[in-house]
Amino acid sequence: MLQAQQILNERYQLQQQLGNNAGRQTWLAVDLDTSPTELVIVKLLAFHPQMQWNEFKLFEREAQILKQLNHPRIPCYRDYFSLDKHSGVGLSWFGLVQQYIPGVSLQEYLAQGQRFTEAEVTSIAQEVLEILSYLHSIQPPVLHRDIKPSNLIWGDDGQVYLVDFGAVQDTAAAEGVSFTVVGTTGYAPLEQFWGKAVPASDLYALGASLIHLLMGVA
């Protein structure tokens, strides 16, 4: 059982749980090895008998791809580790550590009843398109596959960040090739649920997100 103030991997002191879903936990933590100490995001995947192999594949792929990325509006990769169940954490866990981006997700703003102006949405679109241009220009292209308001952070510095690469794919789908099916209904295009994601799939999801920001309805 993980809890606040617990130290993982002799380095990361858990502060606040941000998410808990089906064997996955996300925590805000302090990196005790930095001076001065810095806040980081620790994503954890529990290793248990019910865990699907695809879950581990996606988690490991996220770590591998984030390690290769270098963009100012994508949270930086920091570390990847595993914890044995005998280390006092109850289960065996895999951990991914990323840079913490202070800010609020666009989904949180929507939940508070905020509606975005056309000018604001245009600015958001330009910023996210610049990030996608970077991802899609990598060879092979990196596809996010889960663009939606909850994965777009309006940082305290006024910039928009793209987070949560848990559905990332490091190559465009080719004819006759099937990939892990991921995505969020209402944002992902139909071909993505057939396992055929392409760079345009991210653009479709961005368009659906922008409509949500303008209209307030997904």
N, C-alpha and C. Protein backbone atom coordinates (compact mmCIF):
# COMPACT_ATOMS: atom_id res chain seq x y z
N MET A 1 0.85 -1.20 0.00
CA MET A 1 0.00 0.00 0.00
C MET A 1 0.88 1.25 0.00
N LEU A 2 0.79 2.02 -1.05
CA LEU A 2 1.58 3.24 -1.13
C LEU A 2 0.87 4.37 -0.40
N GLN A 3 1.66 5.23 0.22
CA GLN A 3 1.06 6.34 0.96
C GLN A 3 1.99 7.54 0.95
N ALA A 4 1.42 8.70 1.24
CA ALA A 4 2.18 9.94 1.25
C ALA A 4 3.35 9.85 2.22
N GLN A 5 4.44 10.48 1.88
CA GLN A 5 5.70 10.54 2.61
C GLN A 5 6.56 9.30 2.45
N GLN A 6 6.02 8.26 1.81
CA GLN A 6 6.81 7.07 1.55
C GLN A 6 7.89 7.39 0.51
N ILE A 7 9.07 6.80 0.68
CA ILE A 7 10.18 7.05 -0.24
C ILE A 7 10.37 5.82 -1.13
N LEU A 8 10.33 6.04 -2.43
CA LEU A 8 10.49 4.96 -3.40
C LEU A 8 11.87 5.04 -4.05
N ASN A 9 12.47 3.88 -4.24
CA ASN A 9 13.76 3.77 -4.91
C ASN A 9 14.84 4.61 -4.23
N GLU A 10 14.67 4.82 -2.91
CA GLU A 10 15.61 5.58 -2.09
C GLU A 10 15.79 7.01 -2.60
N ARG A 11 14.75 7.53 -3.27
CA ARG A 11 14.93 8.84 -3.90
C ARG A 11 13.66 9.67 -3.98
N TYR A 12 12.52 9.07 -4.26
CA TYR A 12 11.31 9.83 -4.54
C TYR A 12 10.33 9.75 -3.38
N GLN A 13 10.11 10.87 -2.72
CA GLN A 13 9.20 10.91 -1.57
C GLN A 13 7.81 11.32 -2.05
N LEU A 14 6.86 10.41 -1.91
CA LEU A 14 5.50 10.65 -2.39
C LEU A 14 4.85 11.78 -1.59
N GLN A 15 4.15 12.66 -2.29
CA GLN A 15 3.49 13.80 -1.66
C GLN A 15 1.97 13.72 -1.77
N GLN A 16 1.47 13.58 -2.98
CA GLN A 16 0.03 13.61 -3.22
C GLN A 16 -0.33 12.68 -4.36
N GLN A 17 -1.34 11.83 -4.13
CA GLN A 17 -1.80 10.94 -5.19
C GLN A 17 -2.67 11.73 -6.17
N LEU A 18 -2.33 11.65 -7.44
CA LEU A 18 -3.06 12.38 -8.47
C LEU A 18 -4.01 11.49 -9.26
N GLY A 19 -3.76 10.18 -9.24
CA GLY A 19 -4.61 9.26 -9.98
C GLY A 19 -4.43 7.84 -9.47
N ASN A 20 -5.51 7.04 -9.57
CA ASN A 20 -5.47 5.65 -9.13
C ASN A 20 -6.50 4.89 -9.95
N ASN A 21 -6.02 4.05 -10.87
CA ASN A 21 -6.95 3.39 -11.77
C ASN A 21 -6.39 2.05 -12.24
N ALA A 22 -7.05 0.97 -11.85
CA ALA A 22 -6.77 -0.38 -12.37
C ALA A 22 -5.29 -0.75 -12.35
N GLY A 23 -4.70 -0.71 -11.16
CA GLY A 23 -3.30 -1.11 -11.04
C GLY A 23 -2.30 -0.04 -11.41
N ARG A 24 -2.79 1.15 -11.70
CA ARG A 24 -1.91 2.28 -12.01
C ARG A 24 -2.11 3.39 -10.99
N GLN A 25 -1.03 4.01 -10.59
CA GLN A 25 -1.11 5.16 -9.70
C GLN A 25 -0.19 6.26 -10.22
N THR A 26 -0.62 7.49 -10.02
CA THR A 26 0.20 8.64 -10.38
C THR A 26 0.34 9.52 -9.15
N TRP A 27 1.58 9.89 -8.84
CA TRP A 27 1.86 10.67 -7.64
C TRP A 27 2.69 11.91 -7.97
N LEU A 28 2.42 12.97 -7.22
CA LEU A 28 3.33 14.10 -7.15
C LEU A 28 4.35 13.75 -6.07
N ALA A 29 5.62 13.88 -6.38
CA ALA A 29 6.66 13.46 -5.45
C ALA A 29 7.80 14.47 -5.43
N VAL A 30 8.64 14.35 -4.41
CA VAL A 30 9.84 15.18 -4.30
C VAL A 30 11.05 14.32 -4.65
N ASP A 31 11.89 14.83 -5.54
CA ASP A 31 13.14 14.14 -5.88
C ASP A 31 14.20 14.56 -4.86
N LEU A 32 14.52 13.66 -3.95
CA LEU A 32 15.43 13.98 -2.85
C LEU A 32 16.88 14.08 -3.31
N ASP A 33 17.17 13.65 -4.53
CA ASP A 33 18.54 13.71 -5.04
C ASP A 33 18.88 15.03 -5.71
N THR A 34 17.90 15.92 -5.82
CA THR A 34 18.16 17.22 -6.43
C THR A 34 18.40 18.26 -5.35
N SER A 35 19.15 19.28 -5.67
CA SER A 35 19.43 20.35 -4.72
C SER A 35 19.33 21.71 -5.43
N PRO A 36 18.32 22.52 -5.06
CA PRO A 36 17.26 22.19 -4.09
C PRO A 36 16.33 21.11 -4.63
N THR A 37 15.58 20.48 -3.73
CA THR A 37 14.69 19.40 -4.14
C THR A 37 13.65 19.90 -5.14
N GLU A 38 13.29 19.03 -6.08
CA GLU A 38 12.33 19.39 -7.12
C GLU A 38 11.13 18.46 -7.08
N LEU A 39 9.98 18.99 -7.49
CA LEU A 39 8.79 18.17 -7.64
C LEU A 39 8.86 17.42 -8.96
N VAL A 40 8.41 16.17 -8.93
CA VAL A 40 8.36 15.34 -10.14
C VAL A 40 7.04 14.58 -10.15
N ILE A 41 6.72 14.01 -11.29
CA ILE A 41 5.56 13.12 -11.41
C ILE A 41 6.08 11.68 -11.47
N VAL A 42 5.53 10.82 -10.61
CA VAL A 42 5.89 9.41 -10.60
C VAL A 42 4.66 8.60 -11.02
N LYS A 43 4.78 7.92 -12.16
CA LYS A 43 3.71 7.04 -12.64
C LYS A 43 4.10 5.61 -12.31
N LEU A 44 3.17 4.86 -11.73
CA LEU A 44 3.46 3.52 -11.25
C LEU A 44 2.50 2.50 -11.84
N LEU A 45 3.04 1.36 -12.21
CA LEU A 45 2.25 0.24 -12.71
C LEU A 45 2.50 -0.96 -11.82
N ALA A 46 1.42 -1.51 -11.24
CA ALA A 46 1.55 -2.67 -10.35
C ALA A 46 1.68 -3.95 -11.15
N PHE A 47 2.61 -4.81 -10.74
CA PHE A 47 2.75 -6.12 -11.36
C PHE A 47 1.94 -7.11 -10.52
N HIS A 48 0.85 -7.63 -11.10
CA HIS A 48 -0.03 -8.54 -10.36
C HIS A 48 -0.59 -9.57 -11.34
N PRO A 49 -1.18 -10.66 -10.84
CA PRO A 49 -1.63 -11.74 -11.73
C PRO A 49 -2.65 -11.30 -12.78
N GLN A 50 -3.44 -10.26 -12.49
CA GLN A 50 -4.47 -9.82 -13.44
C GLN A 50 -3.94 -8.83 -14.47
N MET A 51 -2.69 -8.44 -14.35
CA MET A 51 -2.15 -7.45 -15.27
C MET A 51 -2.06 -8.02 -16.68
N GLN A 52 -2.54 -7.26 -17.65
CA GLN A 52 -2.45 -7.67 -19.04
C GLN A 52 -1.06 -7.31 -19.59
N TRP A 53 -0.52 -8.18 -20.45
CA TRP A 53 0.80 -7.93 -21.00
C TRP A 53 0.86 -6.62 -21.77
N ASN A 54 -0.24 -6.26 -22.44
CA ASN A 54 -0.26 -5.01 -23.19
C ASN A 54 -0.08 -3.79 -22.28
N GLU A 55 -0.54 -3.90 -21.03
CA GLU A 55 -0.36 -2.79 -20.09
C GLU A 55 1.11 -2.53 -19.85
N PHE A 56 1.87 -3.61 -19.64
CA PHE A 56 3.31 -3.45 -19.42
C PHE A 56 4.00 -2.95 -20.68
N LYS A 57 3.59 -3.46 -21.85
CA LYS A 57 4.18 -3.02 -23.11
C LYS A 57 4.00 -1.52 -23.31
N LEU A 58 2.79 -1.03 -23.05
CA LEU A 58 2.52 0.40 -23.22
C LEU A 58 3.32 1.23 -22.23
N PHE A 59 3.43 0.74 -20.98
CA PHE A 59 4.15 1.47 -19.94
C PHE A 59 5.63 1.56 -20.28
N GLU A 60 6.20 0.43 -20.69
CA GLU A 60 7.61 0.40 -21.05
C GLU A 60 7.88 1.24 -22.31
N ARG A 61 6.96 1.18 -23.27
CA ARG A 61 7.11 1.97 -24.49
C ARG A 61 7.09 3.47 -24.18
N GLU A 62 6.20 3.86 -23.27
CA GLU A 62 6.13 5.27 -22.88
C GLU A 62 7.48 5.74 -22.34
N ALA A 63 8.09 4.93 -21.47
CA ALA A 63 9.38 5.29 -20.90
C ALA A 63 10.46 5.38 -21.98
N GLN A 64 10.48 4.40 -22.87
CA GLN A 64 11.51 4.37 -23.91
C GLN A 64 11.41 5.56 -24.85
N ILE A 65 10.18 5.91 -25.23
CA ILE A 65 10.01 7.02 -26.17
C ILE A 65 10.26 8.36 -25.50
N LEU A 66 9.75 8.54 -24.28
CA LEU A 66 9.98 9.81 -23.57
C LEU A 66 11.47 10.07 -23.41
N LYS A 67 12.23 9.02 -23.20
CA LYS A 67 13.68 9.16 -23.02
C LYS A 67 14.33 9.76 -24.26
N GLN A 68 13.72 9.55 -25.43
CA GLN A 68 14.29 10.02 -26.69
C GLN A 68 13.83 11.43 -27.07
N LEU A 69 12.75 11.90 -26.43
CA LEU A 69 12.16 13.18 -26.84
C LEU A 69 12.88 14.35 -26.19
N ASN A 70 12.90 15.46 -26.90
CA ASN A 70 13.50 16.69 -26.38
C ASN A 70 12.73 17.87 -26.93
N HIS A 71 11.70 18.26 -26.21
CA HIS A 71 10.86 19.39 -26.64
C HIS A 71 10.46 20.18 -25.39
N PRO A 72 10.51 21.51 -25.46
CA PRO A 72 10.25 22.32 -24.26
C PRO A 72 8.84 22.20 -23.71
N ARG A 73 7.88 21.69 -24.50
CA ARG A 73 6.51 21.60 -23.98
C ARG A 73 6.03 20.14 -23.87
N ILE A 74 7.01 19.24 -23.74
CA ILE A 74 6.74 17.85 -23.39
C ILE A 74 7.52 17.57 -22.12
N PRO A 75 6.87 17.13 -21.03
CA PRO A 75 7.59 16.88 -19.78
C PRO A 75 8.78 15.94 -19.98
N CYS A 76 9.92 16.32 -19.43
CA CYS A 76 11.15 15.56 -19.62
C CYS A 76 11.13 14.24 -18.87
N TYR A 77 11.71 13.23 -19.50
CA TYR A 77 11.95 11.95 -18.84
C TYR A 77 13.02 12.16 -17.77
N ARG A 78 12.81 11.54 -16.59
CA ARG A 78 13.80 11.64 -15.52
C ARG A 78 14.39 10.28 -15.14
N ASP A 79 13.53 9.26 -15.02
CA ASP A 79 14.02 8.00 -14.47
C ASP A 79 13.01 6.88 -14.74
N TYR A 80 13.50 5.65 -14.66
CA TYR A 80 12.66 4.46 -14.77
C TYR A 80 13.21 3.44 -13.79
N PHE A 81 12.34 2.83 -12.99
CA PHE A 81 12.82 1.90 -11.97
C PHE A 81 11.77 0.83 -11.69
N SER A 82 12.19 -0.20 -10.98
CA SER A 82 11.26 -1.24 -10.54
C SER A 82 11.45 -1.47 -9.05
N LEU A 83 10.37 -1.86 -8.38
CA LEU A 83 10.40 -2.12 -6.94
C LEU A 83 9.93 -3.54 -6.69
N ASP A 84 10.72 -4.29 -5.95
CA ASP A 84 10.35 -5.65 -5.59
C ASP A 84 9.30 -5.61 -4.49
N LYS A 85 8.40 -6.59 -4.48
CA LYS A 85 7.34 -6.62 -3.47
C LYS A 85 7.88 -6.76 -2.06
N HIS A 86 9.13 -7.22 -1.92
CA HIS A 86 9.74 -7.37 -0.60
C HIS A 86 10.37 -6.07 -0.10
N SER A 87 10.24 -5.00 -0.89
CA SER A 87 10.86 -3.73 -0.50
C SER A 87 9.96 -2.89 0.39
N GLY A 88 8.83 -3.46 0.81
CA GLY A 88 7.94 -2.76 1.73
C GLY A 88 6.81 -2.02 1.07
N VAL A 89 6.58 -2.26 -0.23
CA VAL A 89 5.51 -1.55 -0.95
C VAL A 89 4.35 -2.47 -1.30
N GLY A 90 4.35 -3.69 -0.77
CA GLY A 90 3.21 -4.59 -0.93
C GLY A 90 3.23 -5.38 -2.22
N LEU A 91 3.28 -4.71 -3.36
CA LEU A 91 3.32 -5.34 -4.67
C LEU A 91 4.63 -4.99 -5.37
N SER A 92 4.89 -5.67 -6.46
CA SER A 92 5.99 -5.24 -7.32
C SER A 92 5.47 -4.11 -8.21
N TRP A 93 6.28 -3.07 -8.36
CA TRP A 93 5.86 -1.90 -9.13
C TRP A 93 6.93 -1.53 -10.16
N PHE A 94 6.48 -1.01 -11.28
CA PHE A 94 7.35 -0.36 -12.24
C PHE A 94 7.08 1.13 -12.15
N GLY A 95 8.13 1.94 -12.15
CA GLY A 95 7.96 3.38 -11.99
C GLY A 95 8.58 4.19 -13.11
N LEU A 96 7.87 5.21 -13.54
CA LEU A 96 8.35 6.16 -14.55
C LEU A 96 8.30 7.56 -13.94
N VAL A 97 9.41 8.27 -14.00
CA VAL A 97 9.50 9.60 -13.39
C VAL A 97 9.65 10.65 -14.49
N GLN A 98 8.84 11.71 -14.38
CA GLN A 98 8.86 12.79 -15.36
C GLN A 98 8.92 14.14 -14.67
N GLN A 99 9.31 15.13 -15.43
CA GLN A 99 9.27 16.52 -14.99
C GLN A 99 7.84 16.90 -14.60
N TYR A 100 7.71 17.68 -13.53
CA TYR A 100 6.40 18.20 -13.11
C TYR A 100 6.16 19.55 -13.77
N ILE A 101 5.00 19.69 -14.39
CA ILE A 101 4.62 20.95 -15.03
C ILE A 101 3.54 21.62 -14.18
N PRO A 102 3.85 22.71 -13.47
CA PRO A 102 2.81 23.42 -12.71
C PRO A 102 1.78 24.01 -13.66
N GLY A 103 0.52 23.74 -13.40
CA GLY A 103 -0.53 24.26 -14.27
C GLY A 103 -1.83 23.52 -14.06
N VAL A 104 -2.78 23.77 -14.94
CA VAL A 104 -4.12 23.19 -14.84
C VAL A 104 -4.48 22.61 -16.20
N SER A 105 -5.08 21.42 -16.21
CA SER A 105 -5.48 20.83 -17.49
C SER A 105 -6.66 21.61 -18.07
N LEU A 106 -6.78 21.59 -19.39
CA LEU A 106 -7.91 22.26 -20.03
C LEU A 106 -9.22 21.60 -19.64
N GLN A 107 -9.19 20.31 -19.33
CA GLN A 107 -10.40 19.61 -18.88
C GLN A 107 -10.88 20.17 -17.55
N GLU A 108 -9.95 20.51 -16.67
CA GLU A 108 -10.33 21.09 -15.38
C GLU A 108 -11.02 22.44 -15.58
N TYR A 109 -10.51 23.23 -16.51
CA TYR A 109 -11.16 24.51 -16.81
C TYR A 109 -12.58 24.28 -17.32
N LEU A 110 -12.75 23.30 -18.20
CA LEU A 110 -14.08 22.99 -18.73
C LEU A 110 -15.02 22.55 -17.61
N ALA A 111 -14.50 21.73 -16.70
CA ALA A 111 -15.32 21.23 -15.59
C ALA A 111 -15.78 22.36 -14.68
N GLN A 112 -14.99 23.44 -14.64
CA GLN A 112 -15.35 24.60 -13.83
C GLN A 112 -16.31 25.54 -14.55
N GLY A 113 -16.68 25.16 -15.78
CA GLY A 113 -17.63 25.96 -16.54
C GLY A 113 -17.01 27.01 -17.43
N GLN A 114 -15.69 27.02 -17.53
CA GLN A 114 -15.04 28.02 -18.38
C GLN A 114 -15.22 27.68 -19.85
N ARG A 115 -15.49 28.69 -20.65
CA ARG A 115 -15.55 28.54 -22.09
C ARG A 115 -14.41 29.36 -22.70
N PHE A 116 -13.79 28.81 -23.70
CA PHE A 116 -12.63 29.45 -24.30
C PHE A 116 -13.05 30.29 -25.50
N THR A 117 -12.40 31.44 -25.66
CA THR A 117 -12.69 32.31 -26.79
C THR A 117 -12.04 31.75 -28.05
N GLU A 118 -12.49 32.26 -29.19
CA GLU A 118 -11.91 31.82 -30.46
C GLU A 118 -10.42 32.12 -30.51
N ALA A 119 -10.03 33.27 -29.98
CA ALA A 119 -8.61 33.65 -29.97
C ALA A 119 -7.80 32.69 -29.10
N GLU A 120 -8.34 32.32 -27.95
CA GLU A 120 -7.64 31.39 -27.06
C GLU A 120 -7.49 30.02 -27.71
N VAL A 121 -8.56 29.55 -28.34
CA VAL A 121 -8.52 28.24 -28.98
C VAL A 121 -7.54 28.24 -30.16
N THR A 122 -7.51 29.34 -30.89
CA THR A 122 -6.55 29.45 -32.00
C THR A 122 -5.12 29.37 -31.48
N SER A 123 -4.85 30.06 -30.37
CA SER A 123 -3.52 30.03 -29.78
C SER A 123 -3.16 28.63 -29.30
N ILE A 124 -4.12 27.96 -28.65
CA ILE A 124 -3.89 26.58 -28.18
C ILE A 124 -3.60 25.67 -29.36
N ALA A 125 -4.38 25.82 -30.43
CA ALA A 125 -4.18 24.99 -31.62
C ALA A 125 -2.77 25.16 -32.18
N GLN A 126 -2.32 26.40 -32.27
CA GLN A 126 -0.99 26.66 -32.82
C GLN A 126 0.10 26.02 -31.97
N GLU A 127 -0.05 26.10 -30.65
CA GLU A 127 0.96 25.53 -29.76
C GLU A 127 1.00 24.01 -29.86
N VAL A 128 -0.18 23.38 -29.87
CA VAL A 128 -0.22 21.92 -29.93
C VAL A 128 0.24 21.43 -31.30
N LEU A 129 -0.13 22.14 -32.35
CA LEU A 129 0.33 21.76 -33.69
C LEU A 129 1.85 21.81 -33.79
N GLU A 130 2.46 22.75 -33.11
CA GLU A 130 3.93 22.83 -33.12
C GLU A 130 4.53 21.60 -32.44
N ILE A 131 3.90 21.15 -31.34
CA ILE A 131 4.37 19.94 -30.66
C ILE A 131 4.19 18.72 -31.55
N LEU A 132 3.01 18.62 -32.19
CA LEU A 132 2.75 17.48 -33.06
C LEU A 132 3.67 17.47 -34.27
N SER A 133 3.99 18.65 -34.79
CA SER A 133 4.92 18.73 -35.91
C SER A 133 6.26 18.12 -35.53
N TYR A 134 6.70 18.40 -34.31
CA TYR A 134 7.95 17.81 -33.81
C TYR A 134 7.83 16.30 -33.71
N LEU A 135 6.76 15.81 -33.07
CA LEU A 135 6.59 14.36 -32.87
C LEU A 135 6.49 13.61 -34.19
N HIS A 136 5.73 14.17 -35.12
CA HIS A 136 5.49 13.47 -36.38
C HIS A 136 6.67 13.57 -37.34
N SER A 137 7.60 14.49 -37.08
CA SER A 137 8.77 14.63 -37.94
C SER A 137 9.89 13.66 -37.56
N ILE A 138 9.77 13.06 -36.37
CA ILE A 138 10.75 12.07 -35.94
C ILE A 138 10.61 10.83 -36.81
N GLN A 139 11.71 10.15 -37.07
CA GLN A 139 11.67 8.92 -37.86
C GLN A 139 12.03 7.72 -37.00
N PRO A 140 11.10 6.76 -36.84
CA PRO A 140 9.72 6.78 -37.33
C PRO A 140 8.89 7.77 -36.53
N PRO A 141 7.76 8.24 -37.09
CA PRO A 141 6.92 9.23 -36.41
C PRO A 141 6.43 8.73 -35.05
N VAL A 142 6.35 9.64 -34.09
CA VAL A 142 5.79 9.34 -32.77
C VAL A 142 4.35 9.81 -32.75
N LEU A 143 3.43 8.90 -32.49
CA LEU A 143 2.01 9.23 -32.42
C LEU A 143 1.57 9.23 -30.96
N HIS A 144 0.93 10.31 -30.53
CA HIS A 144 0.49 10.40 -29.14
C HIS A 144 -0.70 9.49 -28.88
N ARG A 145 -1.69 9.52 -29.75
CA ARG A 145 -2.87 8.64 -29.76
C ARG A 145 -3.88 8.89 -28.63
N ASP A 146 -3.69 9.93 -27.84
CA ASP A 146 -4.69 10.20 -26.80
C ASP A 146 -4.78 11.70 -26.50
N ILE A 147 -4.83 12.50 -27.54
CA ILE A 147 -4.96 13.95 -27.35
C ILE A 147 -6.40 14.27 -26.96
N LYS A 148 -6.54 14.99 -25.87
CA LYS A 148 -7.83 15.40 -25.34
C LYS A 148 -7.57 16.49 -24.30
N PRO A 149 -8.59 17.25 -23.89
CA PRO A 149 -8.36 18.36 -22.97
C PRO A 149 -7.66 17.98 -21.67
N SER A 150 -7.90 16.77 -21.15
CA SER A 150 -7.26 16.39 -19.88
C SER A 150 -5.76 16.14 -20.05
N ASN A 151 -5.29 15.97 -21.28
CA ASN A 151 -3.86 15.76 -21.53
C ASN A 151 -3.17 17.01 -22.06
N LEU A 152 -3.88 18.13 -22.02
CA LEU A 152 -3.30 19.41 -22.40
C LEU A 152 -3.26 20.30 -21.16
N ILE A 153 -2.07 20.66 -20.73
CA ILE A 153 -1.88 21.45 -19.51
C ILE A 153 -1.59 22.90 -19.87
N TRP A 154 -2.39 23.79 -19.30
CA TRP A 154 -2.10 25.22 -19.44
C TRP A 154 -1.16 25.57 -18.29
N GLY A 155 0.11 25.69 -18.60
CA GLY A 155 1.12 25.89 -17.57
C GLY A 155 1.02 27.25 -16.91
N ASP A 156 1.57 27.33 -15.70
CA ASP A 156 1.60 28.61 -14.99
C ASP A 156 2.39 29.66 -15.76
N ASP A 157 3.23 29.20 -16.71
CA ASP A 157 4.01 30.13 -17.53
C ASP A 157 3.25 30.60 -18.77
N GLY A 158 1.96 30.18 -18.89
CA GLY A 158 1.14 30.61 -20.01
C GLY A 158 1.26 29.78 -21.26
N GLN A 159 2.08 28.73 -21.22
CA GLN A 159 2.25 27.87 -22.39
C GLN A 159 1.44 26.58 -22.24
N VAL A 160 1.15 25.95 -23.36
CA VAL A 160 0.38 24.70 -23.36
C VAL A 160 1.34 23.53 -23.50
N TYR A 161 1.15 22.52 -22.65
CA TYR A 161 2.01 21.34 -22.63
C TYR A 161 1.18 20.10 -22.97
N LEU A 162 1.81 19.16 -23.67
CA LEU A 162 1.18 17.88 -23.99
C LEU A 162 1.74 16.83 -23.05
N VAL A 163 0.85 16.16 -22.29
CA VAL A 163 1.28 15.19 -21.29
C VAL A 163 0.64 13.83 -21.54
N ASP A 164 1.00 12.88 -20.71
CA ASP A 164 0.48 11.51 -20.71
C ASP A 164 0.71 10.80 -22.04
N PHE A 165 1.90 10.23 -22.16
CA PHE A 165 2.26 9.48 -23.35
C PHE A 165 2.03 7.98 -23.15
N GLY A 166 1.06 7.64 -22.32
CA GLY A 166 0.78 6.25 -22.03
C GLY A 166 0.21 5.46 -23.19
N ALA A 167 -0.26 6.15 -24.22
CA ALA A 167 -0.80 5.46 -25.40
C ALA A 167 0.10 5.63 -26.61
N VAL A 168 1.30 6.14 -26.39
CA VAL A 168 2.19 6.52 -27.50
C VAL A 168 2.56 5.32 -28.38
N GLN A 169 2.77 5.62 -29.65
CA GLN A 169 3.20 4.62 -30.63
C GLN A 169 4.35 5.22 -31.41
N ASP A 170 5.40 4.43 -31.62
CA ASP A 170 6.60 5.01 -32.24
C ASP A 170 6.73 4.71 -33.72
N THR A 171 5.64 4.34 -34.36
CA THR A 171 5.66 4.17 -35.80
C THR A 171 4.26 4.31 -36.34
N ALA A 172 4.12 4.83 -37.56
CA ALA A 172 2.80 4.94 -38.17
C ALA A 172 2.30 3.56 -38.56
N ALA A 173 1.00 3.35 -38.41
CA ALA A 173 0.42 2.05 -38.77
C ALA A 173 0.50 1.83 -40.27
N ALA A 174 0.92 0.64 -40.65
CA ALA A 174 1.00 0.28 -42.06
C ALA A 174 -0.13 -0.67 -42.41
N GLU A 175 -0.45 -0.74 -43.69
CA GLU A 175 -1.54 -1.59 -44.13
C GLU A 175 -1.26 -3.04 -43.74
N GLY A 176 -2.25 -3.67 -43.11
CA GLY A 176 -2.11 -5.06 -42.71
C GLY A 176 -1.42 -5.24 -41.37
N VAL A 177 -1.03 -4.15 -40.71
CA VAL A 177 -0.35 -4.24 -39.43
C VAL A 177 -1.28 -3.76 -38.34
N SER A 178 -1.38 -4.51 -37.26
CA SER A 178 -2.27 -4.15 -36.17
C SER A 178 -1.46 -3.78 -34.94
N PHE A 179 -1.85 -2.69 -34.28
CA PHE A 179 -1.18 -2.25 -33.08
C PHE A 179 -2.16 -2.28 -31.90
N THR A 180 -1.62 -2.09 -30.69
CA THR A 180 -2.47 -2.04 -29.52
C THR A 180 -3.54 -0.97 -29.70
N VAL A 181 -4.78 -1.32 -29.42
CA VAL A 181 -5.88 -0.39 -29.61
C VAL A 181 -6.03 0.46 -28.35
N VAL A 182 -5.83 1.75 -28.48
CA VAL A 182 -5.98 2.69 -27.37
C VAL A 182 -6.65 3.95 -27.91
N GLY A 183 -7.01 4.84 -26.99
CA GLY A 183 -7.64 6.09 -27.39
C GLY A 183 -8.86 6.36 -26.54
N THR A 184 -9.42 7.54 -26.69
CA THR A 184 -10.58 7.95 -25.91
C THR A 184 -11.75 8.23 -26.85
N THR A 185 -12.86 7.54 -26.61
CA THR A 185 -14.05 7.75 -27.42
C THR A 185 -14.48 9.21 -27.38
N GLY A 186 -14.82 9.75 -28.53
CA GLY A 186 -15.20 11.15 -28.62
C GLY A 186 -14.08 12.02 -29.13
N TYR A 187 -12.86 11.50 -29.06
CA TYR A 187 -11.69 12.25 -29.55
C TYR A 187 -10.93 11.47 -30.61
N ALA A 188 -10.70 10.18 -30.37
CA ALA A 188 -9.93 9.37 -31.32
C ALA A 188 -10.77 9.04 -32.55
N PRO A 189 -10.17 9.02 -33.74
CA PRO A 189 -10.89 8.66 -34.97
C PRO A 189 -11.13 7.16 -35.03
N LEU A 190 -12.06 6.77 -35.89
CA LEU A 190 -12.47 5.37 -35.97
C LEU A 190 -11.31 4.44 -36.32
N GLU A 191 -10.43 4.87 -37.23
CA GLU A 191 -9.36 3.96 -37.65
C GLU A 191 -8.42 3.61 -36.50
N GLN A 192 -8.38 4.48 -35.48
CA GLN A 192 -7.51 4.19 -34.34
C GLN A 192 -8.03 2.99 -33.55
N PHE A 193 -9.35 2.84 -33.49
CA PHE A 193 -9.94 1.70 -32.78
C PHE A 193 -9.84 0.42 -33.60
N TRP A 194 -9.43 0.55 -34.84
CA TRP A 194 -9.13 -0.62 -35.67
C TRP A 194 -7.65 -0.96 -35.60
N GLY A 195 -6.90 -0.22 -34.77
CA GLY A 195 -5.46 -0.44 -34.66
C GLY A 195 -4.67 0.15 -35.81
N LYS A 196 -5.22 1.18 -36.46
CA LYS A 196 -4.59 1.76 -37.65
C LYS A 196 -4.30 3.25 -37.47
N ALA A 197 -3.70 3.62 -36.36
CA ALA A 197 -3.40 5.03 -36.12
C ALA A 197 -2.33 5.53 -37.07
N VAL A 198 -2.51 6.77 -37.53
CA VAL A 198 -1.55 7.45 -38.40
C VAL A 198 -1.38 8.87 -37.85
N PRO A 199 -0.40 9.65 -38.32
CA PRO A 199 -0.25 11.02 -37.82
C PRO A 199 -1.54 11.84 -37.88
N ALA A 200 -2.34 11.65 -38.93
CA ALA A 200 -3.60 12.39 -39.04
C ALA A 200 -4.56 12.06 -37.91
N SER A 201 -4.39 10.90 -37.26
CA SER A 201 -5.25 10.53 -36.14
C SER A 201 -5.08 11.51 -34.98
N ASP A 202 -3.84 11.96 -34.75
CA ASP A 202 -3.59 12.96 -33.71
C ASP A 202 -4.24 14.29 -34.08
N LEU A 203 -4.21 14.64 -35.37
CA LEU A 203 -4.83 15.89 -35.81
C LEU A 203 -6.33 15.85 -35.62
N TYR A 204 -6.93 14.70 -35.89
CA TYR A 204 -8.38 14.54 -35.69
C TYR A 204 -8.72 14.74 -34.21
N ALA A 205 -7.94 14.11 -33.33
CA ALA A 205 -8.20 14.22 -31.90
C ALA A 205 -8.01 15.65 -31.41
N LEU A 206 -7.03 16.35 -31.98
CA LEU A 206 -6.84 17.76 -31.62
C LEU A 206 -8.05 18.56 -32.07
N GLY A 207 -8.54 18.32 -33.28
CA GLY A 207 -9.72 19.04 -33.76
C GLY A 207 -10.93 18.81 -32.88
N ALA A 208 -11.14 17.56 -32.46
CA ALA A 208 -12.26 17.26 -31.56
C ALA A 208 -12.09 17.98 -30.23
N SER A 209 -10.86 18.07 -29.75
CA SER A 209 -10.59 18.76 -28.49
C SER A 209 -10.86 20.25 -28.61
N LEU A 210 -10.48 20.84 -29.73
CA LEU A 210 -10.70 22.28 -29.93
C LEU A 210 -12.19 22.60 -30.00
N ILE A 211 -12.96 21.73 -30.64
CA ILE A 211 -14.42 21.92 -30.68
C ILE A 211 -14.99 21.87 -29.27
N HIS A 212 -14.48 20.93 -28.46
CA HIS A 212 -14.94 20.83 -27.07
C HIS A 212 -14.64 22.12 -26.31
N LEU A 213 -13.46 22.69 -26.53
CA LEU A 213 -13.10 23.93 -25.85
C LEU A 213 -14.01 25.08 -26.26
N LEU A 214 -14.37 25.12 -27.54
CA LEU A 214 -15.23 26.20 -28.04
C LEU A 214 -16.68 26.05 -27.61
N MET A 215 -17.19 24.82 -27.69
CA MET A 215 -18.61 24.57 -27.47
C MET A 215 -18.94 24.14 -26.05
N GLY A 216 -17.93 23.62 -25.34
CA GLY A 216 -18.18 23.12 -24.00
C GLY A 216 -18.79 21.74 -23.99
N VAL A 217 -18.91 21.10 -25.15
CA VAL A 217 -19.52 19.77 -25.27
C VAL A 217 -18.58 18.89 -26.07
N ALA A 218 -18.29 17.69 -25.53
CA ALA A 218 -17.39 16.77 -26.23
C ALA A 218 -18.10 16.13 -27.41
